[in-house]
Amino acid sequence: MGSPGGWWGRKSTPAKVETYTRWSFHFIALSEPTVIGVTAFGHVDARVALLVMTPVAAHVALAMVTASRALDWAVGRRPQPLRLLWALGAATALLAVAALVPGRYGPVGEDTGTVLGSVFGAVLCYGVGMMALGLRERRRVVWLVVGFGAGAGLVAWATGMPALAALAMAAFVTAASGFFAATSFFSIWLLNAVYALDEARETRARLAVAEERLRFGRDLHDVMGRNLAVIALKSELAVQLARRERPEAVEQMIEVQRIAQESQREVREVVRGYRRADLEAELHGARGVLRAAGIDCEVGGETGGLPAEVQSALGWVVREATTNVLRHGDAKKCTVTVRRPKGRVVLTVRNDGATAPHGSTRTGGTGLAGLRERLSAVGGTLDAGEARDGEFRLVAEVPLTARPALEVAS
């Protein structure tokens, strides 16, 4: 059974930011009836307070639904909720007017007027702030704030409020609603920026994979292109010599056989990655790439004087581990250490993003299987999996007397 916060730990960073943003606006919406309720129940009879709170609760429910749909639209899951935005705008205006008019013309006392005034101000400020979530252009947000602020002043003046007081009312509504609208607009911008950065990180990982494929293609072309051309040329020469019954044809075919066997060996070296990877360069590159992706990376240990075979094998481990950290889980910190106990080298890569998306752990895959093959060829071992402290740990161990495994022609 997972821990109570397991659902949060399984979320990616953008999903966490989205969840935080969504619930922040839900709580902001719930603060509207809290503000009005404290004023209402503190100044008027409970029955009157409940009567006032009923339309306010309906307004809050509509605002929360609108905010949720607007956030879905902001991240590209739904179309823009235009009907809900218009409905919230109309409900906000009607409720504000319904609260202001009785306070000016109805037979209400000072306490009831205070309550209705709080309804007027809170409904406008919170309503405009929630509607701003569904707008993408700053110009429209500004017009929304200015429009409701001017409308509040005009309605207040039309109901008999002095011009100076009505102007002050308009300024207050504009400033307060503008604050909530700016908060909404900035939150949407920040959420989109987080998603864009996460997409850029995934794109960088895919580009790294594509670059490796291109490198493999270039190496394979370099190995096979020249040798195949020589094989074709010598085979044609052998055919011509055989037709003339010249004994040199046998020598040419022996040469073709030798080149073919050499090509087979070189292809196996390319596929298995026996072309040397410098460990120090891989460590430096891993630190730079991870820090560019916003992951704190620390590298420690001594790599000088290691045999070429050991450096090559461990360099591939660092490269694959870096790709896994970028493409899986949600790491914030990664540590790479190189230790040299007696007669062996131990490379440890740890990161705090052990849990991958959808709750799967990264304990297998073709990448780790390929690393085990590379390490076994030099007498090394690989251990990878989630540790008890919630980290994903990869440990590669290679003896210092490592020698390349002998190739057996297939």
Protein backbone atom coordinates (compact mmCIF):
# COMPACT_ATOMS: atom_id res chain seq x y z
CA MET A 1 0.00 0.00 0.00
CA GLY A 2 1.43 3.35 -0.98
CA SER A 3 2.05 6.25 1.34
CA PRO A 4 -0.58 9.02 1.64
CA GLY A 5 1.58 11.30 -0.49
CA GLY A 6 2.34 8.66 -3.08
CA TRP A 7 -0.07 10.15 -5.62
CA TRP A 8 1.87 13.43 -5.38
CA GLY A 9 5.26 11.73 -5.71
CA ARG A 10 4.16 9.96 -8.90
CA LYS A 11 3.30 13.24 -10.60
CA SER A 12 5.73 14.94 -12.94
CA THR A 13 6.87 18.48 -12.16
CA PRO A 14 4.41 20.12 -14.61
CA ALA A 15 1.57 18.01 -13.20
CA LYS A 16 2.49 19.12 -9.67
CA VAL A 17 2.51 22.78 -10.71
CA GLU A 18 -0.84 22.33 -12.45
CA THR A 19 -2.37 20.64 -9.39
CA TYR A 20 -1.04 23.39 -7.13
CA THR A 21 -2.38 26.10 -9.43
CA ARG A 22 -5.79 24.43 -9.78
CA TRP A 23 -6.34 24.00 -6.05
CA SER A 24 -4.99 27.47 -5.32
CA PHE A 25 -7.77 28.99 -7.38
CA HIS A 26 -10.34 26.69 -5.81
CA PHE A 27 -9.29 27.94 -2.38
CA ILE A 28 -9.31 31.53 -3.65
CA ALA A 29 -12.87 31.02 -4.82
CA LEU A 30 -13.81 29.53 -1.44
CA SER A 31 -12.40 32.59 0.29
CA GLU A 32 -15.19 34.67 -1.28
CA PRO A 33 -18.01 33.17 0.83
CA THR A 34 -15.67 33.21 3.82
CA VAL A 35 -15.16 36.96 3.59
CA ILE A 36 -18.85 37.65 2.98
CA GLY A 37 -19.99 35.11 5.59
CA VAL A 38 -17.87 36.62 8.36
CA THR A 39 -19.41 40.03 7.63
CA ALA A 40 -22.96 38.69 7.24
CA PHE A 41 -23.16 36.52 10.33
CA GLY A 42 -21.44 39.22 12.37
CA HIS A 43 -23.89 41.99 11.46
CA VAL A 44 -27.33 40.56 10.69
CA ASP A 45 -29.66 37.81 11.81
CA ALA A 46 -28.70 34.25 10.86
CA ARG A 47 -31.73 33.83 8.60
CA VAL A 48 -30.91 36.99 6.69
CA ALA A 49 -27.27 35.92 6.48
CA LEU A 50 -28.25 32.54 5.03
CA LEU A 51 -30.51 34.30 2.53
CA VAL A 52 -27.56 36.44 1.43
CA MET A 53 -25.17 33.49 1.29
CA THR A 54 -27.38 31.37 -1.00
CA PRO A 55 -26.74 33.33 -4.24
CA VAL A 56 -23.13 33.86 -3.17
CA ALA A 57 -22.64 30.09 -2.88
CA ALA A 58 -24.12 29.63 -6.37
CA HIS A 59 -21.74 32.28 -7.69
CA VAL A 60 -18.77 30.52 -6.07
CA ALA A 61 -19.76 27.14 -7.55
CA LEU A 62 -20.01 28.68 -11.01
CA ALA A 63 -16.63 30.40 -10.53
CA MET A 64 -14.94 27.13 -9.51
CA VAL A 65 -16.33 25.26 -12.52
CA THR A 66 -15.26 28.10 -14.81
CA ALA A 67 -11.77 28.18 -13.29
CA SER A 68 -11.37 24.42 -13.73
CA ARG A 69 -12.48 24.50 -17.38
CA ALA A 70 -10.32 27.57 -18.05
CA LEU A 71 -7.23 25.79 -16.68
CA ASP A 72 -8.01 22.78 -18.88
CA TRP A 73 -8.18 25.16 -21.84
CA ALA A 74 -4.90 26.83 -20.83
CA VAL A 75 -3.03 23.51 -21.02
CA GLY A 76 -4.73 22.47 -24.26
CA ARG A 77 -7.20 19.83 -23.03
CA ARG A 78 -10.48 21.64 -23.77
CA PRO A 79 -11.76 24.42 -26.00
CA GLN A 80 -12.09 27.87 -24.49
CA PRO A 81 -15.14 27.86 -22.13
CA LEU A 82 -16.78 30.93 -23.66
CA ARG A 83 -20.28 30.09 -22.44
CA LEU A 84 -19.12 29.64 -18.88
CA LEU A 85 -17.14 32.90 -19.06
CA TRP A 86 -20.19 34.80 -20.28
CA ALA A 87 -22.36 33.10 -17.66
CA LEU A 88 -19.94 33.99 -14.87
CA GLY A 89 -19.71 37.57 -16.11
CA ALA A 90 -23.49 37.92 -16.22
CA ALA A 91 -23.93 36.29 -12.80
CA THR A 92 -21.25 38.55 -11.32
CA ALA A 93 -22.85 41.70 -12.70
CA LEU A 94 -26.40 40.70 -11.68
CA LEU A 95 -25.41 39.68 -8.15
CA ALA A 96 -23.41 42.89 -7.67
CA VAL A 97 -26.32 45.05 -8.85
CA ALA A 98 -28.78 43.02 -6.75
CA ALA A 99 -26.62 43.69 -3.70
CA LEU A 100 -26.13 47.39 -4.37
CA VAL A 101 -29.67 48.49 -5.29
CA PRO A 102 -31.45 47.30 -2.08
CA GLY A 103 -28.71 48.91 -0.04
CA ARG A 104 -29.47 52.26 -1.65
CA TYR A 105 -33.26 52.13 -2.03
CA GLY A 106 -34.53 49.32 0.20
CA PRO A 107 -35.63 49.62 3.84
CA VAL A 108 -32.42 48.18 5.25
CA GLY A 109 -30.42 49.15 8.26
CA GLU A 110 -26.79 50.13 8.45
CA ASP A 111 -25.68 46.59 9.29
CA THR A 112 -27.54 45.10 6.33
CA GLY A 113 -26.07 47.79 4.08
CA THR A 114 -22.58 46.82 5.24
CA VAL A 115 -23.24 43.18 4.39
CA LEU A 116 -24.63 44.01 0.96
CA GLY A 117 -21.66 46.30 0.32
CA SER A 118 -19.27 43.44 1.08
CA VAL A 119 -21.23 41.24 -1.32
CA PHE A 120 -20.97 43.92 -4.02
CA GLY A 121 -17.19 44.32 -3.69
CA ALA A 122 -16.25 40.67 -3.16
CA VAL A 123 -18.39 39.30 -5.96
CA LEU A 124 -16.93 41.75 -8.47
CA CYS A 125 -13.30 41.23 -7.44
CA TYR A 126 -13.41 37.44 -7.27
CA GLY A 127 -15.59 37.11 -10.37
CA VAL A 128 -13.28 39.20 -12.53
CA GLY A 129 -10.24 37.32 -11.23
CA MET A 130 -11.74 33.94 -12.18
CA MET A 131 -12.80 35.17 -15.62
CA ALA A 132 -9.22 36.30 -16.31
CA LEU A 133 -8.19 32.63 -16.26
CA GLY A 134 -10.06 32.12 -19.52
CA LEU A 135 -8.36 34.97 -21.40
CA ARG A 136 -4.99 34.72 -23.11
CA GLU A 137 -4.34 38.31 -24.25
CA ARG A 138 -3.32 40.96 -21.73
CA ARG A 139 -5.30 43.58 -23.60
CA ARG A 140 -8.54 41.68 -23.02
CA VAL A 141 -7.74 41.19 -19.34
CA VAL A 142 -7.15 44.92 -18.97
CA TRP A 143 -10.43 45.72 -20.71
CA LEU A 144 -12.22 43.21 -18.47
CA VAL A 145 -10.89 44.85 -15.31
CA VAL A 146 -11.47 48.40 -16.50
CA GLY A 147 -14.96 47.54 -17.76
CA PHE A 148 -16.17 46.07 -14.49
CA GLY A 149 -14.49 48.82 -12.49
CA ALA A 150 -16.16 51.54 -14.59
CA GLY A 151 -19.45 49.67 -14.49
CA ALA A 152 -19.31 49.48 -10.69
CA GLY A 153 -18.75 53.22 -10.48
CA LEU A 154 -21.56 54.02 -12.91
CA VAL A 155 -24.04 51.75 -11.13
CA ALA A 156 -23.08 53.26 -7.76
CA TRP A 157 -23.52 56.79 -9.14
CA ALA A 158 -26.82 55.87 -10.82
CA THR A 159 -28.21 54.56 -7.52
CA GLY A 160 -27.64 57.90 -5.84
CA MET A 161 -24.12 57.64 -4.50
CA PRO A 162 -22.16 60.91 -4.61
CA ALA A 163 -19.89 61.26 -7.62
CA LEU A 164 -16.72 61.29 -5.53
CA ALA A 165 -17.80 58.19 -3.61
CA ALA A 166 -18.77 56.46 -6.85
CA LEU A 167 -15.36 57.30 -8.31
CA ALA A 168 -13.70 55.87 -5.21
CA MET A 169 -15.83 52.75 -5.58
CA ALA A 170 -14.76 52.38 -9.21
CA ALA A 171 -11.09 52.80 -8.27
CA PHE A 172 -11.37 50.22 -5.49
CA VAL A 173 -13.06 47.61 -7.69
CA THR A 174 -10.57 48.24 -10.50
CA ALA A 175 -7.56 47.89 -8.19
CA ALA A 176 -8.83 44.82 -6.31
CA SER A 177 -10.14 42.99 -9.36
CA GLY A 178 -6.97 43.94 -11.23
CA PHE A 179 -4.88 42.29 -8.53
CA PHE A 180 -6.83 39.04 -8.79
CA ALA A 181 -6.81 39.17 -12.60
CA ALA A 182 -3.04 39.76 -12.68
CA THR A 183 -2.56 36.81 -10.33
CA SER A 184 -4.66 34.61 -12.61
CA PHE A 185 -2.90 35.75 -15.77
CA PHE A 186 0.56 35.25 -14.27
CA SER A 187 -0.36 31.80 -12.92
CA ILE A 188 -1.46 30.66 -16.38
CA TRP A 189 1.73 32.06 -17.90
CA LEU A 190 3.85 30.26 -15.30
CA LEU A 191 2.00 26.97 -15.85
CA ASN A 192 2.52 27.17 -19.61
CA ALA A 193 6.19 28.01 -19.09
CA VAL A 194 6.66 24.91 -16.91
CA TYR A 195 5.03 22.69 -19.53
CA ALA A 196 7.16 24.29 -22.26
CA LEU A 197 10.36 23.68 -20.28
CA ASP A 198 9.38 20.06 -19.66
CA GLU A 199 8.68 19.58 -23.36
CA ALA A 200 12.06 21.15 -24.18
CA ARG A 201 13.77 18.69 -21.82
CA GLU A 202 12.06 15.76 -23.53
CA THR A 203 13.01 17.19 -26.92
CA ARG A 204 16.63 17.48 -25.81
CA ALA A 205 16.60 13.84 -24.73
CA ARG A 206 15.10 12.76 -28.08
CA LEU A 207 17.74 14.81 -29.90
CA ALA A 208 20.46 13.08 -27.89
CA VAL A 209 19.05 9.71 -28.96
CA ALA A 210 18.80 10.89 -32.58
CA GLU A 211 22.39 12.15 -32.45
CA GLU A 212 23.55 8.77 -31.16
CA ARG A 213 21.70 7.05 -34.00
CA LEU A 214 23.34 9.35 -36.51
CA ARG A 215 26.73 8.62 -34.98
CA PHE A 216 26.03 4.92 -35.24
CA GLY A 217 24.97 5.36 -38.88
CA ARG A 218 28.14 7.30 -39.68
CA ASP A 219 30.34 4.70 -38.00
CA LEU A 220 28.58 1.86 -39.80
CA HIS A 221 28.91 3.68 -43.12
CA ASP A 222 32.61 4.32 -42.50
CA VAL A 223 33.19 0.66 -41.68
CA MET A 224 31.08 -0.94 -44.37
CA GLY A 225 31.24 1.56 -47.23
CA ARG A 226 34.94 1.21 -48.02
CA ASN A 227 35.10 -2.53 -47.31
CA LEU A 228 32.07 -3.33 -49.46
CA ALA A 229 33.55 -1.31 -52.33
CA VAL A 230 36.81 -3.26 -52.04
CA ILE A 231 34.92 -6.57 -51.84
CA ALA A 232 32.92 -5.71 -54.96
CA LEU A 233 36.05 -4.69 -56.86
CA LYS A 234 38.08 -7.77 -55.89
CA SER A 235 35.14 -10.09 -56.57
CA GLU A 236 34.80 -8.65 -60.07
CA LEU A 237 38.53 -9.05 -60.57
CA ALA A 238 38.36 -12.66 -59.34
CA VAL A 239 35.54 -13.40 -61.82
CA GLN A 240 37.59 -12.04 -64.69
CA LEU A 241 40.66 -14.04 -63.62
CA ALA A 242 38.60 -17.22 -63.16
CA ARG A 243 37.19 -16.89 -66.67
CA ARG A 244 40.76 -16.75 -67.95
CA GLU A 245 41.63 -19.70 -65.71
CA ARG A 246 44.27 -17.66 -63.93
CA PRO A 247 45.44 -18.98 -60.52
CA GLU A 248 45.42 -15.42 -59.12
CA ALA A 249 41.61 -15.69 -58.83
CA VAL A 250 42.03 -17.87 -55.75
CA GLU A 251 44.23 -15.24 -54.08
CA GLN A 252 41.67 -12.55 -54.82
CA MET A 253 38.85 -14.60 -53.26
CA ILE A 254 41.02 -15.31 -50.21
CA GLU A 255 41.46 -11.55 -49.88
CA VAL A 256 37.70 -11.04 -50.24
CA GLN A 257 37.14 -13.57 -47.47
CA ARG A 258 39.61 -11.79 -45.23
CA ILE A 259 38.02 -8.39 -45.81
CA ALA A 260 34.55 -9.83 -45.16
CA GLN A 261 35.70 -11.31 -41.83
CA GLU A 262 37.36 -8.02 -40.90
CA SER A 263 34.15 -6.15 -41.75
CA GLN A 264 32.16 -8.55 -39.61
CA ARG A 265 34.44 -7.88 -36.65
CA GLU A 266 34.30 -4.11 -37.12
CA VAL A 267 30.50 -4.14 -37.36
CA ARG A 268 30.32 -6.04 -34.08
CA GLU A 269 32.59 -3.41 -32.51
CA VAL A 270 30.31 -0.61 -33.74
CA VAL A 271 27.15 -2.35 -32.52
CA ARG A 272 28.58 -3.08 -29.10
CA GLY A 273 30.09 0.36 -28.78
CA TYR A 274 33.70 -0.76 -28.42
CA ARG A 275 34.89 2.46 -29.91
CA ARG A 276 36.37 4.26 -26.96
CA ALA A 277 34.31 6.65 -24.84
CA ASP A 278 36.41 8.91 -22.62
CA LEU A 279 35.11 8.71 -19.03
CA GLU A 280 36.23 12.20 -18.03
CA ALA A 281 34.56 13.73 -21.09
CA GLU A 282 31.35 11.81 -20.41
CA LEU A 283 31.29 12.95 -16.78
CA HIS A 284 31.83 16.57 -17.79
CA GLY A 285 29.13 16.33 -20.47
CA ALA A 286 26.66 14.68 -18.07
CA ARG A 287 27.14 17.42 -15.51
CA GLY A 288 26.58 20.14 -18.10
CA VAL A 289 23.49 18.53 -19.64
CA LEU A 290 21.83 17.77 -16.30
CA ARG A 291 22.47 21.24 -14.90
CA ALA A 292 21.07 22.75 -18.10
CA ALA A 293 17.92 20.68 -17.51
CA GLY A 294 17.56 22.13 -14.00
CA ILE A 295 18.94 19.05 -12.21
CA ASP A 296 21.64 19.64 -9.61
CA CYS A 297 24.52 17.32 -10.58
CA GLU A 298 27.58 16.56 -8.48
CA VAL A 299 30.52 14.56 -9.83
CA GLY A 300 33.28 13.21 -7.62
CA GLY A 301 36.15 10.75 -7.72
CA GLU A 302 39.43 10.17 -9.52
CA THR A 303 39.34 8.96 -13.14
CA GLY A 304 42.97 9.42 -14.13
CA GLY A 305 45.13 6.46 -15.06
CA LEU A 306 42.31 4.03 -15.74
CA PRO A 307 42.80 1.47 -18.53
CA ALA A 308 41.22 2.37 -21.86
CA GLU A 309 38.82 -0.58 -21.70
CA VAL A 310 37.58 0.46 -18.25
CA GLN A 311 37.13 4.10 -19.30
CA SER A 312 35.21 3.06 -22.39
CA ALA A 313 32.84 0.76 -20.50
CA LEU A 314 32.17 3.23 -17.68
CA GLY A 315 31.81 6.11 -20.15
CA TRP A 316 28.90 4.29 -21.76
CA VAL A 317 27.37 3.74 -18.33
CA VAL A 318 27.51 7.48 -17.61
CA ARG A 319 25.99 8.28 -21.00
CA GLU A 320 23.09 5.85 -20.60
CA ALA A 321 22.47 6.86 -16.98
CA THR A 322 22.32 10.53 -17.97
CA THR A 323 19.78 9.76 -20.69
CA ASN A 324 17.64 7.82 -18.20
CA VAL A 325 17.68 10.70 -15.70
CA LEU A 326 16.55 13.12 -18.41
CA ARG A 327 13.87 10.92 -19.92
CA HIS A 328 12.40 9.21 -16.85
CA GLY A 329 11.29 10.10 -13.35
CA ASP A 330 11.39 13.59 -11.90
CA ALA A 331 14.87 14.05 -10.51
CA LYS A 332 15.98 17.21 -8.74
CA LYS A 333 19.48 16.03 -7.83
CA CYS A 334 21.92 13.54 -9.35
CA THR A 335 25.22 12.38 -7.89
CA VAL A 336 27.95 10.54 -9.83
CA THR A 337 30.87 9.11 -7.89
CA VAL A 338 33.89 7.08 -8.99
CA ARG A 339 35.62 4.98 -6.33
CA ARG A 340 38.69 2.81 -6.74
CA PRO A 341 38.75 0.03 -4.16
CA LYS A 342 41.58 -2.43 -4.40
CA GLY A 343 41.77 -3.91 -7.89
CA ARG A 344 38.48 -2.51 -9.19
CA VAL A 345 36.57 0.64 -10.13
CA VAL A 346 33.04 1.34 -8.89
CA LEU A 347 30.87 3.94 -10.62
CA THR A 348 27.68 4.95 -8.75
CA VAL A 349 24.94 7.14 -10.21
CA ARG A 350 22.16 8.17 -7.83
CA ASN A 351 19.16 10.44 -8.41
CA ASP A 352 16.06 11.28 -6.37
CA GLY A 353 13.62 10.65 -9.24
CA ALA A 354 13.22 6.91 -8.67
CA THR A 355 9.56 6.76 -9.63
CA ALA A 356 8.83 7.10 -13.31
CA PRO A 357 5.57 8.44 -14.75
CA HIS A 358 2.50 6.23 -14.30
CA GLY A 359 4.15 4.67 -11.26
CA SER A 360 6.54 2.31 -13.03
CA THR A 361 10.09 1.95 -11.74
CA ARG A 362 13.07 2.03 -14.02
CA THR A 363 14.63 -1.29 -13.22
CA GLY A 364 14.91 -2.71 -16.69
CA GLY A 365 14.82 -1.83 -20.35
CA THR A 366 16.99 -2.35 -23.38
CA GLY A 367 19.36 0.44 -22.29
CA LEU A 368 20.35 -1.29 -19.04
CA ALA A 369 20.50 -4.66 -20.78
CA GLY A 370 22.93 -3.19 -23.30
CA LEU A 371 25.08 -1.80 -20.48
CA ARG A 372 25.23 -5.21 -18.83
CA GLU A 373 26.48 -6.68 -22.10
CA ARG A 374 29.17 -4.02 -22.41
CA LEU A 375 30.32 -4.50 -18.82
CA SER A 376 30.28 -8.29 -18.98
CA ALA A 377 32.63 -8.10 -21.94
CA VAL A 378 35.27 -6.57 -19.63
CA GLY A 379 34.40 -8.67 -16.60
CA GLY A 380 32.20 -6.01 -15.00
CA THR A 381 28.76 -6.04 -13.38
CA LEU A 382 25.80 -3.67 -13.25
CA ASP A 383 23.21 -3.29 -10.50
CA ALA A 384 20.30 -0.88 -10.96
CA GLY A 385 17.08 -0.31 -9.07
CA GLU A 386 15.22 1.74 -6.50
CA ALA A 387 16.95 2.04 -3.14
CA ARG A 388 15.26 2.10 0.26
CA ASP A 389 15.67 5.85 0.59
CA GLY A 390 13.55 6.49 -2.52
CA GLU A 391 16.50 7.06 -4.83
CA PHE A 392 17.23 5.32 -8.10
CA ARG A 393 20.73 3.88 -7.87
CA LEU A 394 22.91 2.49 -10.63
CA VAL A 395 26.19 0.82 -9.64
CA ALA A 396 28.73 -0.39 -12.23
CA GLU A 397 31.79 -2.32 -11.12
CA VAL A 398 34.73 -3.16 -13.38
CA PRO A 399 38.04 -4.83 -12.46
CA LEU A 400 41.13 -2.77 -13.20
CA THR A 401 42.61 -5.73 -15.05
CA ALA A 402 39.70 -5.65 -17.51
CA ARG A 403 40.44 -6.89 -21.00
CA PRO A 404 38.12 -6.93 -23.99
CA ALA A 405 36.31 -10.22 -24.43
CA LEU A 406 37.49 -12.27 -27.40
CA GLU A 407 35.27 -12.00 -30.41
CA VAL A 408 33.94 -15.27 -31.77
CA ALA A 409 32.99 -15.16 -35.38
CA SER A 410 29.34 -15.97 -35.86
